[in-house]
Amino acid sequence: MGIVSEMGANDQERQSNVENASPLTTRVNTVILGRMDFTSVLLRLIGMELYKIRRRSMSKVLGTLALTLALLVPLAIGVELAVNVNTPARSFAPSCTPSSAGSQGCTPLSPAALQTIKRGVLAGLSAPLRLPSALELATTQGELNPAIILMIILVGSIAGGEMGTGTVRLMFTRGPWRGQFLLAKYGAALVCTVIGVLGMALTGVIVAQLFNLLSGVPQSFGFFTASWLGHVLLYLLATMLNWFMYAVVAIFFGVLGRSTSAGIVGALTWFFAEPIVSSILTIAANFSVGFASAFLRALPDYLMGNNARTLQLNQAQYLFGTAGSPESNLQALITLAVYLGVFIGLTWWLNESRDVTN
């Protein structure tokens, strides 16, 4: 009995030692704990989101489409330019009409005159390939920038997919605060926006300059001043803000609908509905009088897309000689700040208060 009692006491002592044992201070080489302050954790979470984006096949497809959009106009103009460069100069001669011929008939042009006409045609055709026009074509592609659609699809997939598959429950048990996971998605969207705008701008301008060599018209840098460069930076920042606003909308709808499809469809609906609503309000204002007409006419000035476009137009007038927006930059910035506050605030509230255990 004494031996049995002694063995039981030893077992209890070993069990107590196991329960009260402190965790090992050494870790395997593959585990890197890192600093645990708020900023360090947030940066690692942003890196995690970017890693997931980089590993997805859809991200590679969307990136390829973005580069294709940036190269679409330069390639189309470059092909047409290559065809015209190899066309004989006599093909560019103006047609002879009976009114201009008179009784003497058409006077044939000299080869030098034909070459001059050909160079003028090539110079006009290749004008969009030279700065500053090449910058606008590479980054905007029109009033409704199709690259924003690609950004919506990319960001919408990272916002609601985790809630749809249920992996968000596992993430929230890993230690970081819920808000850090949400901020990481905004950070990843911002990084993708900056890379997308700069990548499209640089790629489009470089390819356009290469095709411009076919025209024989050198790139003039008479417009290049410190002021012009400052407006270029502001124009690119305004373009990034335009993209990021729709990324914020995609994250909101993704979290609200708990699915990727909700994030993408909701943001795309917002993107295409704004111009339609703006047109309807303008038409309704034309059929109204007095205060109702003024009220309906002023409403489009407070739509998110119109204000984001206002910042671009107000910088484009200094770069490309186009018409600016009647609204001021201050009004546009205040309006966009309100939209950001509303969408981020609602998303934050949903992320903090929603039960993710079911």
Protein backbone atom coordinates (compact mmCIF):
# COMPACT_ATOMS: atom_id res chain seq x y z
CA MET A 1 0.00 0.00 0.00
CA GLY A 2 2.86 2.32 0.68
CA ILE A 3 4.31 1.77 -2.73
CA VAL A 4 0.91 2.40 -4.38
CA SER A 5 0.42 5.61 -2.43
CA GLU A 6 3.85 6.83 -3.37
CA MET A 7 3.20 6.15 -7.08
CA GLY A 8 -0.13 8.02 -6.92
CA ALA A 9 1.55 10.98 -5.29
CA ASN A 10 4.19 11.04 -8.00
CA ASP A 11 1.52 10.98 -10.75
CA GLN A 12 -0.35 13.85 -9.14
CA GLU A 13 2.87 15.83 -8.85
CA ARG A 14 3.72 15.27 -12.52
CA GLN A 15 0.18 16.28 -13.57
CA SER A 16 0.40 19.45 -11.48
CA ASN A 17 3.74 20.32 -13.04
CA VAL A 18 2.29 19.88 -16.55
CA GLU A 19 -0.73 22.06 -15.81
CA ASN A 20 1.36 24.84 -14.26
CA ALA A 21 4.15 24.68 -16.82
CA SER A 22 4.87 27.94 -18.64
CA PRO A 23 4.99 27.88 -22.48
CA LEU A 24 8.31 27.37 -24.15
CA THR A 25 10.19 30.59 -24.87
CA THR A 26 11.86 29.16 -27.95
CA ARG A 27 10.06 28.73 -31.27
CA VAL A 28 10.85 26.85 -34.41
CA ASN A 29 12.67 28.74 -37.13
CA THR A 30 9.59 28.87 -39.41
CA VAL A 31 7.52 30.85 -36.87
CA ILE A 32 8.25 34.60 -36.77
CA LEU A 33 6.24 36.30 -34.05
CA GLY A 34 7.20 39.89 -34.80
CA ARG A 35 6.31 43.02 -32.86
CA MET A 36 2.83 43.13 -31.39
CA ASP A 37 2.14 46.88 -31.39
CA PHE A 38 -0.88 48.19 -33.32
CA THR A 39 1.00 49.46 -36.39
CA SER A 40 3.19 46.37 -36.78
CA VAL A 41 0.21 44.03 -36.57
CA LEU A 42 -1.74 46.17 -39.05
CA LEU A 43 1.12 46.16 -41.55
CA ARG A 44 1.44 42.38 -41.30
CA LEU A 45 -2.31 42.03 -41.86
CA ILE A 46 -2.08 44.27 -44.94
CA GLY A 47 0.73 42.04 -46.18
CA MET A 48 -1.50 39.02 -45.58
CA GLU A 49 -4.32 40.57 -47.64
CA LEU A 50 -1.90 41.44 -50.45
CA TYR A 51 -0.53 37.90 -50.39
CA LYS A 52 -4.03 36.48 -50.80
CA ILE A 53 -4.69 38.87 -53.68
CA ARG A 54 -1.41 37.96 -55.36
CA ARG A 55 -2.06 34.23 -55.11
CA ARG A 56 -5.49 34.37 -56.74
CA SER A 57 -5.80 33.63 -60.43
CA MET A 58 -8.53 36.25 -60.77
CA SER A 59 -6.10 38.95 -59.61
CA LYS A 60 -3.70 38.06 -62.41
CA VAL A 61 -6.53 38.19 -64.93
CA LEU A 62 -7.71 41.58 -63.66
CA GLY A 63 -4.14 42.93 -63.74
CA THR A 64 -3.75 41.76 -67.33
CA LEU A 65 -7.02 43.45 -68.28
CA ALA A 66 -5.89 46.69 -66.62
CA LEU A 67 -2.68 46.71 -68.67
CA THR A 68 -4.70 45.91 -71.78
CA LEU A 69 -6.90 48.95 -71.14
CA ALA A 70 -3.81 51.14 -70.77
CA LEU A 71 -2.39 49.79 -74.04
CA LEU A 72 -5.63 49.65 -76.02
CA VAL A 73 -5.59 53.19 -77.42
CA PRO A 74 -1.81 53.35 -78.08
CA LEU A 75 -1.95 49.99 -79.85
CA ALA A 76 -4.93 51.00 -82.01
CA ILE A 77 -3.33 54.31 -82.98
CA GLY A 78 0.07 52.65 -83.44
CA VAL A 79 -1.32 50.08 -85.89
CA GLU A 80 -3.09 52.78 -87.89
CA LEU A 81 0.07 54.87 -87.82
CA ALA A 82 2.19 51.96 -89.07
CA VAL A 83 -0.22 51.44 -91.98
CA ASN A 84 -0.12 55.13 -92.97
CA VAL A 85 3.66 55.36 -92.68
CA ASN A 86 4.03 52.71 -95.40
CA THR A 87 1.37 54.31 -97.60
CA PRO A 88 2.75 56.21 -100.65
CA ALA A 89 2.71 59.98 -100.33
CA ARG A 90 0.51 60.39 -103.45
CA SER A 91 -2.33 58.70 -101.56
CA PHE A 92 -2.50 61.74 -99.25
CA ALA A 93 -3.03 64.18 -102.13
CA PRO A 94 -6.31 66.14 -101.82
CA SER A 95 -9.04 65.12 -104.24
CA CYS A 96 -9.61 67.35 -107.26
CA THR A 97 -13.17 68.72 -107.44
CA PRO A 98 -14.66 70.30 -110.56
CA SER A 99 -15.00 73.67 -108.83
CA SER A 100 -11.32 73.79 -108.00
CA ALA A 101 -10.10 72.39 -111.31
CA GLY A 102 -11.36 75.18 -113.56
CA SER A 103 -10.58 75.12 -117.25
CA GLN A 104 -6.93 74.19 -116.71
CA GLY A 105 -7.63 70.92 -114.83
CA CYS A 106 -6.01 69.83 -111.58
CA THR A 107 -2.42 70.89 -111.05
CA PRO A 108 -0.35 67.92 -109.86
CA LEU A 109 1.54 68.45 -106.60
CA SER A 110 5.26 68.06 -106.34
CA PRO A 111 6.74 65.11 -104.38
CA ALA A 112 7.95 67.56 -101.71
CA ALA A 113 4.43 68.95 -101.29
CA LEU A 114 2.99 65.44 -101.04
CA GLN A 115 5.54 64.55 -98.37
CA THR A 116 4.59 67.68 -96.43
CA ILE A 117 0.92 66.69 -96.54
CA LYS A 118 1.78 63.17 -95.42
CA ARG A 119 3.84 64.43 -92.48
CA GLY A 120 0.96 66.66 -91.41
CA VAL A 121 -1.46 63.73 -91.48
CA LEU A 122 0.94 61.55 -89.48
CA ALA A 123 1.52 64.34 -86.96
CA GLY A 124 -2.21 64.75 -86.36
CA LEU A 125 -2.78 61.02 -86.16
CA SER A 126 0.02 60.46 -83.66
CA ALA A 127 -0.86 63.43 -81.42
CA PRO A 128 -2.57 61.22 -78.78
CA LEU A 129 0.68 59.22 -78.50
CA ARG A 130 2.64 62.21 -77.25
CA LEU A 131 2.54 63.83 -73.87
CA PRO A 132 0.44 65.28 -72.37
CA SER A 133 -2.43 63.54 -74.24
CA ALA A 134 -0.90 60.08 -73.72
CA LEU A 135 -1.22 60.46 -69.95
CA GLU A 136 -4.98 61.05 -70.09
CA LEU A 137 -5.60 58.11 -72.42
CA ALA A 138 -3.52 55.76 -70.25
CA THR A 139 -5.20 56.59 -66.93
CA THR A 140 -8.79 57.57 -67.75
CA GLN A 141 -10.06 56.03 -71.03
CA GLY A 142 -13.11 58.27 -70.96
CA GLU A 143 -15.56 59.68 -68.43
CA LEU A 144 -16.63 56.23 -67.17
CA ASN A 145 -13.24 54.71 -66.47
CA PRO A 146 -13.54 50.94 -67.09
CA ALA A 147 -10.54 50.31 -64.84
CA ILE A 148 -12.74 51.19 -61.86
CA ILE A 149 -14.86 48.13 -62.69
CA LEU A 150 -11.77 45.95 -62.37
CA MET A 151 -10.96 47.54 -59.00
CA ILE A 152 -14.51 46.88 -57.78
CA ILE A 153 -14.26 43.20 -58.75
CA LEU A 154 -10.85 42.84 -57.09
CA VAL A 155 -11.79 44.52 -53.80
CA GLY A 156 -15.29 43.05 -53.65
CA SER A 157 -13.79 39.57 -53.69
CA ILE A 158 -11.61 40.21 -50.62
CA ALA A 159 -14.35 41.89 -48.59
CA GLY A 160 -17.21 39.42 -48.54
CA GLY A 161 -15.55 36.14 -49.42
CA GLU A 162 -14.31 35.40 -45.91
CA MET A 163 -17.76 35.93 -44.40
CA GLY A 164 -19.33 33.73 -47.04
CA THR A 165 -16.96 30.81 -46.38
CA GLY A 166 -16.87 31.31 -42.61
CA THR A 167 -13.10 31.78 -42.33
CA VAL A 168 -13.68 35.17 -40.70
CA ARG A 169 -14.51 33.31 -37.45
CA LEU A 170 -11.06 31.73 -37.43
CA MET A 171 -9.40 35.07 -38.19
CA PHE A 172 -11.11 36.84 -35.30
CA THR A 173 -9.74 34.23 -32.86
CA ARG A 174 -6.11 34.81 -33.85
CA GLY A 175 -5.54 37.73 -31.52
CA PRO A 176 -5.74 41.01 -33.50
CA TRP A 177 -8.69 43.31 -33.02
CA ARG A 178 -11.58 43.11 -35.50
CA GLY A 179 -10.95 46.66 -36.55
CA GLN A 180 -7.40 45.79 -37.58
CA PHE A 181 -8.69 43.14 -39.99
CA LEU A 182 -11.03 45.72 -41.54
CA LEU A 183 -8.30 48.37 -41.75
CA ALA A 184 -6.07 45.80 -43.44
CA LYS A 185 -8.62 45.45 -46.23
CA TYR A 186 -8.70 49.22 -46.72
CA GLY A 187 -4.90 49.25 -46.71
CA ALA A 188 -4.71 46.48 -49.30
CA ALA A 189 -7.29 48.28 -51.47
CA LEU A 190 -5.24 51.48 -51.24
CA VAL A 191 -2.02 49.68 -52.23
CA CYS A 192 -3.76 48.05 -55.21
CA THR A 193 -5.16 51.45 -56.23
CA VAL A 194 -1.76 53.15 -56.18
CA ILE A 195 -0.08 50.31 -58.05
CA GLY A 196 -2.92 50.15 -60.60
CA VAL A 197 -2.97 53.87 -61.43
CA LEU A 198 0.81 54.25 -61.59
CA GLY A 199 1.21 51.00 -63.52
CA MET A 200 -1.36 51.96 -66.14
CA ALA A 201 0.00 55.51 -66.46
CA LEU A 202 3.64 54.47 -66.89
CA THR A 203 2.87 51.54 -69.20
CA GLY A 204 0.53 53.53 -71.41
CA VAL A 205 2.85 56.53 -71.73
CA ILE A 206 5.95 54.42 -72.46
CA VAL A 207 4.23 52.31 -75.13
CA ALA A 208 2.68 55.44 -76.67
CA GLN A 209 6.13 57.06 -76.90
CA LEU A 210 7.51 53.97 -78.62
CA PHE A 211 4.76 54.01 -81.23
CA ASN A 212 5.25 57.74 -81.70
CA LEU A 213 8.71 57.01 -83.11
CA LEU A 214 6.98 55.66 -86.23
CA SER A 215 5.48 59.07 -86.97
CA GLY A 216 8.85 60.83 -87.12
CA VAL A 217 7.42 63.67 -85.00
CA PRO A 218 9.64 64.27 -81.95
CA GLN A 219 8.17 64.64 -78.47
CA SER A 220 8.18 68.30 -77.48
CA PHE A 221 8.81 69.16 -73.84
CA GLY A 222 7.90 72.82 -74.02
CA PHE A 223 4.94 72.19 -71.71
CA PHE A 224 7.11 70.55 -69.04
CA THR A 225 7.43 72.92 -66.08
CA ALA A 226 7.41 72.54 -62.32
CA SER A 227 3.80 73.73 -62.27
CA TRP A 228 2.79 71.15 -64.90
CA LEU A 229 4.49 68.39 -62.93
CA GLY A 230 2.61 69.45 -59.80
CA HIS A 231 -0.70 69.22 -61.65
CA VAL A 232 0.30 65.75 -62.90
CA LEU A 233 0.80 64.58 -59.33
CA LEU A 234 -2.55 66.07 -58.28
CA TYR A 235 -4.24 64.49 -61.30
CA LEU A 236 -2.85 61.06 -60.42
CA LEU A 237 -3.89 61.52 -56.77
CA ALA A 238 -7.40 62.51 -57.87
CA THR A 239 -7.55 59.39 -60.07
CA MET A 240 -6.42 57.22 -57.16
CA LEU A 241 -9.06 58.77 -54.93
CA ASN A 242 -11.71 58.06 -57.57
CA TRP A 243 -10.72 54.38 -57.66
CA PHE A 244 -10.46 54.12 -53.88
CA MET A 245 -13.94 55.57 -53.32
CA TYR A 246 -15.50 52.69 -55.25
CA ALA A 247 -13.24 50.21 -53.41
CA VAL A 248 -14.70 51.52 -50.14
CA VAL A 249 -18.21 51.03 -51.55
CA ALA A 250 -17.32 47.45 -52.56
CA ILE A 251 -16.04 46.67 -49.05
CA PHE A 252 -19.23 48.07 -47.51
CA PHE A 253 -21.57 45.98 -49.66
CA GLY A 254 -19.35 42.91 -49.23
CA VAL A 255 -19.53 43.16 -45.44
CA LEU A 256 -23.23 44.06 -45.53
CA GLY A 257 -24.18 41.13 -47.77
CA ARG A 258 -21.61 38.69 -46.32
CA SER A 259 -20.59 37.55 -49.81
CA THR A 260 -18.35 38.37 -52.74
CA SER A 261 -21.28 38.77 -55.11
CA ALA A 262 -22.88 41.37 -52.83
CA GLY A 263 -19.72 43.46 -52.76
CA ILE A 264 -19.24 43.35 -56.53
CA VAL A 265 -22.88 43.74 -57.58
CA GLY A 266 -23.58 46.47 -55.03
CA ALA A 267 -20.59 48.59 -56.03
CA LEU A 268 -21.18 48.05 -59.77
CA THR A 269 -24.81 49.06 -59.34
CA TRP A 270 -23.69 52.23 -57.59
CA PHE A 271 -21.13 52.89 -60.34
CA PHE A 272 -23.61 52.59 -63.22
CA ALA A 273 -26.61 54.07 -61.40
CA GLU A 274 -24.98 57.42 -60.57
CA PRO A 275 -24.77 58.70 -64.18
CA ILE A 276 -28.35 57.53 -64.81
CA VAL A 277 -29.63 59.24 -61.67
CA SER A 278 -27.68 62.38 -62.57
CA SER A 279 -29.28 62.48 -66.04
CA ILE A 280 -32.76 61.87 -64.65
CA LEU A 281 -32.39 64.68 -62.12
CA THR A 282 -31.16 67.07 -64.83
CA ILE A 283 -34.11 66.21 -67.10
CA ALA A 284 -36.55 66.59 -64.20
CA ALA A 285 -35.05 70.00 -63.40
CA ASN A 286 -35.69 71.16 -66.97
CA PHE A 287 -39.40 70.39 -66.56
CA SER A 288 -39.64 72.08 -63.17
CA VAL A 289 -39.68 75.72 -62.14
CA GLY A 290 -38.66 77.75 -59.16
CA PHE A 291 -37.21 76.12 -56.07
CA ALA A 292 -37.91 72.57 -57.30
CA SER A 293 -35.90 73.17 -60.47
CA ALA A 294 -32.94 74.64 -58.58
CA PHE A 295 -33.04 71.81 -56.02
CA LEU A 296 -33.11 69.04 -58.64
CA ARG A 297 -30.39 70.76 -60.67
CA ALA A 298 -28.11 70.97 -57.62
CA LEU A 299 -28.49 67.34 -56.49
CA PRO A 300 -26.08 65.83 -59.08
CA ASP A 301 -23.32 68.07 -57.69
CA TYR A 302 -23.42 66.01 -54.49
CA LEU A 303 -23.16 62.55 -56.03
CA MET A 304 -19.98 60.68 -55.18
CA GLY A 305 -18.83 59.94 -58.72
CA ASN A 306 -19.42 63.50 -59.94
CA ASN A 307 -17.29 64.95 -57.14
CA ALA A 308 -14.49 62.46 -57.74
CA ARG A 309 -14.62 63.38 -61.43
CA THR A 310 -14.58 67.08 -60.49
CA LEU A 311 -11.13 66.75 -58.91
CA GLN A 312 -9.82 65.11 -62.07
CA LEU A 313 -11.35 67.69 -64.41
CA ASN A 314 -10.01 70.62 -62.41
CA GLN A 315 -6.48 69.26 -62.85
CA ALA A 316 -6.99 68.08 -66.44
CA GLN A 317 -7.70 71.61 -67.61
CA TYR A 318 -4.09 72.56 -66.78
CA LEU A 319 -2.64 69.41 -68.34
CA PHE A 320 -4.67 68.76 -71.47
CA GLY A 321 -6.46 72.04 -72.14
CA THR A 322 -9.91 70.56 -71.53
CA ALA A 323 -12.80 72.26 -69.78
CA GLY A 324 -12.76 72.23 -66.01
CA SER A 325 -15.64 71.56 -63.65
CA PRO A 326 -17.88 74.40 -62.38
CA GLU A 327 -17.63 72.94 -58.86
CA SER A 328 -14.68 73.80 -56.65
CA ASN A 329 -12.10 71.36 -55.33
CA LEU A 330 -13.03 72.26 -51.75
CA GLN A 331 -16.67 71.31 -52.25
CA ALA A 332 -15.64 68.04 -53.92
CA LEU A 333 -13.22 67.13 -51.12
CA ILE A 334 -15.77 67.86 -48.39
CA THR A 335 -18.45 65.81 -50.18
CA LEU A 336 -16.10 62.86 -50.71
CA ALA A 337 -15.01 63.04 -47.06
CA VAL A 338 -18.66 62.74 -46.01
CA TYR A 339 -19.15 59.70 -48.27
CA LEU A 340 -15.98 58.11 -46.87
CA GLY A 341 -17.13 58.75 -43.31
CA VAL A 342 -20.56 57.24 -43.95
CA PHE A 343 -19.38 54.11 -45.77
CA ILE A 344 -16.42 53.40 -43.49
CA GLY A 345 -18.47 54.16 -40.39
CA LEU A 346 -21.29 51.80 -41.37
CA THR A 347 -18.82 49.08 -42.34
CA TRP A 348 -17.00 49.54 -39.04
CA TRP A 349 -20.26 49.23 -37.09
CA LEU A 350 -21.25 46.07 -38.97
CA ASN A 351 -17.82 44.55 -38.47
CA GLU A 352 -17.81 45.24 -34.72
CA SER A 353 -21.39 44.38 -33.85
CA ARG A 354 -22.17 41.46 -36.13
CA ASP A 355 -22.20 37.92 -34.74
CA VAL A 356 -19.87 35.75 -36.84
CA THR A 357 -20.28 32.51 -34.86
CA ASN A 358 -23.17 31.36 -37.00
